[in-house]
Protein backbone atom coordinates (compact mmCIF):
# COMPACT_ATOMS: atom_id res chain seq x y z
CA MET A 1 -3.24 9.50 -26.29
CA GLU A 2 -6.18 7.93 -25.09
CA ALA A 3 -6.77 4.61 -24.49
CA ARG A 4 -10.15 4.30 -27.78
CA GLU A 5 -7.09 5.50 -30.28
CA LEU A 6 -4.92 2.31 -29.54
CA ARG A 7 -5.20 -1.36 -30.72
CA ILE A 8 -2.74 -3.84 -29.68
CA ASP A 9 -2.29 -7.15 -30.71
CA VAL A 10 -1.86 -10.17 -28.26
CA ASN A 11 -1.12 -13.22 -29.26
CA GLY A 12 -2.27 -12.87 -32.56
CA ALA A 13 -4.99 -11.44 -31.54
CA LEU A 14 -6.40 -7.22 -32.07
CA LEU A 15 -7.61 -6.32 -28.54
CA ASP A 16 -10.05 -2.94 -29.00
CA LEU A 17 -9.04 -0.86 -26.14
CA GLU A 18 -12.27 1.43 -25.55
CA MET A 19 -13.82 -1.75 -25.28
CA LEU A 20 -11.28 -3.58 -22.61
CA THR A 21 -11.45 0.03 -20.74
CA GLU A 22 -15.19 -0.12 -20.44
CA GLU A 23 -15.38 -4.07 -20.04
CA TYR A 24 -13.00 -3.40 -16.26
CA GLY A 25 -13.69 0.19 -15.79
CA LEU A 26 -10.09 1.23 -16.41
CA ARG A 27 -9.08 5.41 -16.25
CA THR A 28 -7.02 5.89 -18.41
CA ASP A 29 -7.39 9.78 -18.77
CA LEU A 30 -5.82 10.48 -15.44
CA THR A 31 -2.18 10.56 -16.16
CA HIS A 32 0.68 13.27 -17.09
CA GLN A 33 4.04 13.05 -18.01
CA VAL A 34 6.58 15.03 -16.03
CA LYS A 35 9.99 15.00 -17.90
CA VAL A 36 12.92 13.97 -15.51
CA GLU A 37 16.51 15.42 -16.71
CA GLY A 38 18.72 12.05 -17.77
CA LEU A 39 15.79 8.97 -18.25
CA ASP A 40 14.96 8.75 -21.77
CA GLY A 41 11.31 9.49 -20.96
CA ARG A 42 10.11 6.70 -23.77
CA LEU A 43 10.66 2.99 -21.20
CA VAL A 44 11.35 5.36 -18.78
CA ARG A 45 8.68 7.00 -17.16
CA LEU A 46 7.25 9.50 -14.47
CA LEU A 47 3.57 10.32 -14.83
CA ARG A 48 1.54 12.64 -12.74
CA VAL A 49 -2.13 12.00 -11.63
CA LEU A 50 -4.55 13.98 -11.94
CA ILE A 51 -6.12 13.58 -8.70
CA SER A 52 -7.42 16.21 -6.40
CA ASP A 53 -5.73 16.64 -3.18
CA PHE A 54 -2.43 14.48 -3.56
CA ASN A 55 0.49 14.92 -4.77
CA VAL A 56 -0.12 11.43 -6.90
CA TYR A 57 2.97 9.68 -9.30
CA LEU A 58 2.90 6.52 -11.12
CA VAL A 59 6.79 5.46 -12.36
CA GLU A 60 7.52 3.07 -14.95
CA THR A 61 10.66 0.98 -15.79
CA PRO A 62 10.68 -2.10 -17.61
CA HIS A 63 12.21 -3.16 -14.42
CA ILE A 64 8.72 -2.48 -12.30
CA LEU A 65 6.80 -3.92 -15.62
CA ARG A 66 8.48 -7.12 -14.27
CA TYR A 67 7.57 -6.68 -11.33
CA VAL A 68 3.91 -6.57 -12.13
CA SER A 69 3.47 -8.19 -14.82
CA HIS A 70 5.16 -11.50 -13.63
CA PRO A 71 4.51 -13.12 -9.22
CA TYR A 72 7.03 -15.74 -9.77
CA ILE A 73 9.86 -13.47 -9.85
CA SER A 74 10.70 -13.41 -5.81
CA GLY A 75 13.49 -13.65 -3.26
CA GLU A 76 16.83 -13.60 -5.30
CA SER A 77 15.46 -13.05 -8.90
CA LEU A 78 13.88 -9.56 -7.16
CA GLU A 79 16.96 -8.85 -5.82
CA VAL A 80 18.54 -8.55 -9.55
CA LEU A 81 15.52 -7.13 -10.69
CA MET A 82 15.37 -4.61 -7.61
CA SER A 83 18.99 -3.09 -8.00
CA GLU A 84 18.86 -2.97 -11.90
CA ASN A 85 16.16 -1.07 -11.74
CA SER A 86 17.73 1.21 -8.33
CA PRO A 87 19.44 3.76 -10.15
CA LEU A 88 16.27 4.58 -12.24
CA LEU A 89 14.12 4.70 -9.28
CA ARG A 90 16.64 6.91 -7.52
CA ARG A 91 16.50 9.10 -10.51
CA ILE A 92 13.46 9.66 -10.32
CA VAL A 93 13.19 10.16 -6.50
CA ASP A 94 15.88 13.06 -6.89
CA ARG A 95 13.65 14.54 -9.41
CA PHE A 96 11.87 15.40 -6.09
CA THR A 97 14.34 17.40 -4.46
CA LEU A 98 13.34 16.31 -1.41
CA ARG A 99 16.05 17.30 0.40
CA ARG A 100 14.96 20.96 0.60
CA PHE A 101 12.38 19.85 3.38
CA GLY A 102 15.20 17.55 5.50
CA SER A 103 17.12 14.58 6.05
CA LEU A 104 15.79 11.37 4.08
CA VAL A 105 14.91 8.76 6.45
CA ALA A 106 13.71 5.25 5.69
CA ALA A 107 10.85 3.83 8.70
CA ASP A 108 11.68 0.27 7.47
CA GLU A 109 14.79 -1.91 5.56
CA LEU A 110 12.67 -2.49 2.62
CA ILE A 111 12.90 0.42 1.47
CA GLY A 112 17.37 0.28 1.08
CA ARG A 113 15.88 -2.78 -0.82
CA MET A 114 14.17 -0.92 -3.15
CA GLY A 115 16.72 0.54 -4.32
CA ILE A 116 16.27 4.21 -1.99
CA ASP A 117 19.77 4.78 -0.40
CA ALA A 118 18.83 6.62 3.01
CA PRO A 119 19.93 5.51 6.61
CA HIS A 120 17.23 3.92 8.57
CA ILE A 121 14.98 7.16 11.37
CA GLN A 122 15.87 3.93 14.46
CA ASP A 123 19.55 4.47 13.44
CA LEU A 124 19.94 8.47 14.43
CA SER A 125 19.09 10.85 16.77
CA ASP A 126 19.19 14.83 17.51
CA LEU A 127 17.00 14.35 13.51
CA GLY A 128 15.81 17.90 12.25
CA ASP A 129 13.39 18.63 9.36
CA VAL A 130 12.70 14.82 8.06
CA VAL A 131 11.47 13.73 4.89
CA ALA A 132 10.30 9.46 6.03
CA ALA A 133 10.47 7.28 3.08
CA ILE A 134 7.37 3.99 4.02
CA PRO A 135 6.65 1.61 1.83
CA THR A 136 3.27 0.24 1.17
CA PRO A 137 1.00 -0.87 2.43
CA ALA A 138 1.10 1.36 4.78
CA THR A 139 -1.07 2.35 7.95
CA SER A 140 -2.35 4.96 9.63
CA GLU A 141 -1.08 3.43 12.42
CA SER A 142 2.40 3.59 10.69
CA ILE A 143 2.80 6.57 9.81
CA GLU A 144 2.03 7.86 13.38
CA ALA A 145 4.27 5.51 14.90
CA VAL A 146 6.92 7.10 12.72
CA HIS A 147 5.76 10.11 13.96
CA SER A 148 6.98 9.48 16.60
CA GLN A 149 9.67 8.23 16.46
CA VAL A 150 10.74 11.51 14.58
CA ARG A 151 9.95 13.72 17.52
CA GLU A 152 11.54 11.09 20.48
CA ARG A 153 14.93 12.06 18.07
CA GLY A 154 14.10 15.70 18.40
CA GLY A 155 13.03 15.65 14.18
CA ARG A 156 9.83 17.45 12.65
CA LEU A 157 8.38 15.04 10.29
CA ARG A 158 7.77 17.42 7.18
CA VAL A 159 7.11 14.89 4.40
CA VAL A 160 6.00 11.17 3.91
CA LEU A 161 7.15 10.13 0.99
CA PHE A 162 4.83 7.37 0.54
CA ILE A 163 6.48 3.92 -1.76
CA GLY A 164 5.32 0.97 -3.20
CA PRO A 165 1.86 -1.00 -4.64
CA MET A 166 -1.14 1.11 -3.62
CA GLY A 167 -4.36 2.16 -5.16
CA GLU A 168 -6.49 4.94 -5.16
CA GLU A 169 -8.53 3.42 -1.90
CA ASP A 170 -4.93 4.08 0.29
CA VAL A 171 -3.56 7.29 -1.10
CA HIS A 172 -7.16 8.74 0.60
CA LEU A 173 -6.48 7.12 3.67
CA LEU A 174 -2.84 6.98 3.86
CA GLY A 175 -2.66 10.90 3.12
CA ASP A 176 -5.94 12.47 5.10
CA ALA A 177 -3.65 10.43 8.22
CA ALA A 178 -0.68 11.95 7.08
CA ASN A 179 -2.57 15.86 7.22
CA SER A 180 -4.21 14.70 10.61
CA LEU A 181 -0.89 15.53 11.80
CA GLY A 182 0.59 18.95 9.78
CA VAL A 183 2.44 16.41 7.58
CA ASP A 184 2.92 16.47 3.96
CA SER A 185 2.33 13.57 1.82
CA ILE A 186 4.17 12.79 -1.86
CA PHE A 187 2.76 9.40 -3.39
CA LEU A 188 4.99 7.60 -5.97
CA ALA A 189 3.50 4.08 -7.16
CA PRO A 190 4.65 1.29 -10.08
CA ALA A 191 2.53 1.27 -12.45
CA LEU A 192 -0.33 2.22 -11.71
CA LEU A 193 -3.31 2.94 -8.74
CA GLY A 194 -4.34 -0.80 -8.56
CA SER A 195 -7.50 -1.62 -7.75
CA ARG A 196 -9.05 -3.42 -4.54
CA ASP A 197 -10.95 -6.67 -4.18
CA SER A 198 -12.62 -7.85 -1.14
CA GLY A 199 -10.33 -9.70 0.03
CA GLY A 200 -7.60 -6.66 -0.41
CA ARG A 201 -6.13 -7.60 -3.15
CA LEU A 202 -4.17 -5.50 -5.23
CA MET A 203 -5.11 -5.22 -8.89
CA ALA A 204 -3.98 -4.25 -12.38
CA TYR A 205 -7.00 -5.45 -14.00
CA GLY A 206 -9.72 -8.34 -13.38
CA VAL A 207 -12.39 -9.36 -11.33
CA ASP A 208 -13.11 -9.91 -7.81
CA LEU A 209 -11.70 -13.51 -6.15
CA ASP A 210 -13.40 -13.34 -3.25
CA ALA A 211 -17.10 -12.03 -5.01
CA LEU A 212 -16.03 -15.06 -8.03
CA ARG A 213 -16.05 -17.52 -5.15
CA ARG A 214 -19.98 -16.43 -3.92
CA GLY A 215 -20.85 -16.58 -7.83
CA ARG A 216 -20.86 -13.42 -8.10
CA VAL A 217 -18.72 -11.14 -11.24
CA VAL A 218 -17.17 -7.97 -10.36
CA THR A 219 -14.66 -6.38 -12.72
CA LEU A 220 -11.75 -4.20 -11.83
CA GLY A 221 -9.85 -2.08 -13.24
CA SER A 222 -7.05 0.12 -12.52
CA VAL A 223 -5.65 4.11 -12.95
CA VAL A 224 -3.61 3.54 -15.67
CA ASP A 225 -1.52 5.42 -18.51
CA PRO A 226 -2.42 4.58 -21.86
CA LEU A 227 0.87 3.56 -22.99
CA THR A 228 1.65 1.87 -20.01
CA LEU A 229 -1.29 -0.37 -19.88
CA CYS A 230 -0.68 -1.88 -24.01
CA ARG A 231 2.73 -3.02 -22.51
CA LEU A 232 1.48 -4.27 -19.51
CA LEU A 233 -1.65 -6.65 -21.46
CA ARG A 234 0.72 -8.98 -23.35
CA GLU A 235 2.25 -10.16 -20.19
CA TYR A 236 0.27 -8.88 -17.29
CA PRO A 237 -2.34 -12.08 -16.20
CA PRO A 238 -5.40 -10.18 -15.16
CA GLY A 239 -7.03 -10.81 -11.16
CA MET A 240 -3.30 -11.43 -10.25
CA ASP A 241 -2.37 -9.80 -7.19
CA ILE A 242 0.49 -7.11 -7.04
CA SER A 243 0.98 -5.65 -3.63
CA GLY A 244 3.21 -8.30 -2.16
CA LEU A 245 6.39 -6.75 -2.53
CA ARG A 246 7.38 -7.58 1.02
CA GLU A 247 6.01 -11.27 0.45
CA ARG A 248 8.05 -12.45 -2.60
CA MET A 249 11.19 -10.28 -1.47
CA ALA A 250 11.47 -12.51 1.25
CA PRO A 251 10.26 -15.03 -0.37
CA ASP A 252 7.08 -16.43 1.33
CA PRO A 253 6.24 -19.79 -0.29
CA ASP A 254 2.77 -19.23 1.28
CA TYR A 255 1.75 -15.86 -0.31
CA LEU A 256 3.22 -17.60 -3.73
CA ARG A 257 1.12 -20.52 -3.40
CA SER A 258 -1.99 -17.99 -2.75
CA LEU A 259 -1.47 -17.09 -6.05
CA LEU A 260 -0.68 -20.24 -7.83
CA GLU A 261 -4.34 -21.05 -6.35
CA ASP A 262 -5.68 -17.62 -7.46
CA LEU A 263 -4.28 -18.32 -10.95
CA ILE A 264 -5.74 -21.68 -11.56
CA PHE A 265 -9.38 -20.45 -10.16
CA LEU A 266 -9.15 -17.98 -12.45
CA MET A 267 -8.12 -20.08 -14.92
CA GLU A 268 -11.05 -22.41 -14.72
CA GLN A 269 -13.83 -19.85 -14.94
CA PRO A 270 -15.31 -19.36 -18.40
CA LEU A 271 -14.93 -15.24 -17.27
CA PHE A 272 -11.51 -14.68 -20.41
CA GLU A 273 -10.29 -14.42 -23.73
CA PRO A 274 -8.11 -17.26 -25.23
CA TRP A 275 -5.38 -14.81 -24.87
CA GLN A 276 -6.11 -14.45 -21.46
CA VAL A 277 -6.25 -17.44 -20.71
CA ASP A 278 -2.78 -18.28 -22.33
CA ILE A 279 -1.14 -15.63 -20.23
CA LEU A 280 -2.94 -16.87 -16.92
CA LEU A 281 -1.65 -21.08 -18.49
CA ARG A 282 2.26 -19.41 -18.39
CA GLU A 283 2.30 -17.45 -15.10
CA ALA A 284 0.74 -20.48 -13.32
CA LYS A 285 3.43 -22.50 -15.55
CA ASN A 286 6.65 -19.65 -14.51
CA LEU A 287 4.81 -20.12 -10.68
CA ARG A 288 4.71 -24.01 -9.72
CA ARG A 289 8.55 -24.61 -11.56
CA GLN A 290 9.56 -21.37 -8.42
CA LEU A 291 7.93 -22.78 -5.96
CA MET A 292 9.58 -26.57 -7.26
CA ARG A 293 12.56 -24.37 -6.17
CA TYR A 294 12.00 -22.83 -3.36
CA GLU A 295 10.34 -26.76 -1.55
CA GLY A 296 13.41 -28.58 -3.40
CA ARG A 297 15.64 -26.50 -0.97
């Protein structure tokens, strides 16, 4: 189903999805749903992204949509959300039958906190063929480091599973880095492939905040399924960074404070429709309350 065929009511506002996708450059025609045995295929979905060269998938669950839409969910609340999501995530990861390539290992403790049950590379020795799960954001240097760790333990890195928030440019950067080492790659992103602004923030849709602070309006949009977009529009604050999973898990009050500052700045700009301002305001209130809890400890 194409976005132009959809209409959605948000807080009493009937949105024209075709106009919205054009305004923000959202790409809603690049996804294809993949069947996963044991999942309902309605609220929990695996989507293949139809871009060349790399194996890119999006996973959508109610828990992931809450993570993307509500940056105030952090610390213990986010841990609970991830633990509730982990059985669904494990089922989806099992769909790739990664163990046919080798033993699944984690390159970072964050993998376990996301719900993937795999031993850490540093706890292992005498490895054979290996599939390494690496959380994003990642760099070519971090891939090389994992490759070296596996070799030092007598193993061969065959596949990297990149899992976490990412954009299309990240896919190409990381995929090329893996290819240069002779390693295959699979990408699994929550809900969408975001778009990065000039400050490195990753968003579902919105504006480039750094450009806006310099007086320029640059709209940004993600690669997202039409149905996912409709579900996100009711809750997601436009322009919010979705990439800080590690910072929100910690939680890092400075990171959360920066999100609040961004929300307040966006609300002050005459750019958004009333329904969007309502979402920004609601999330700013939630984020402020969360920060007050952390600061009161």
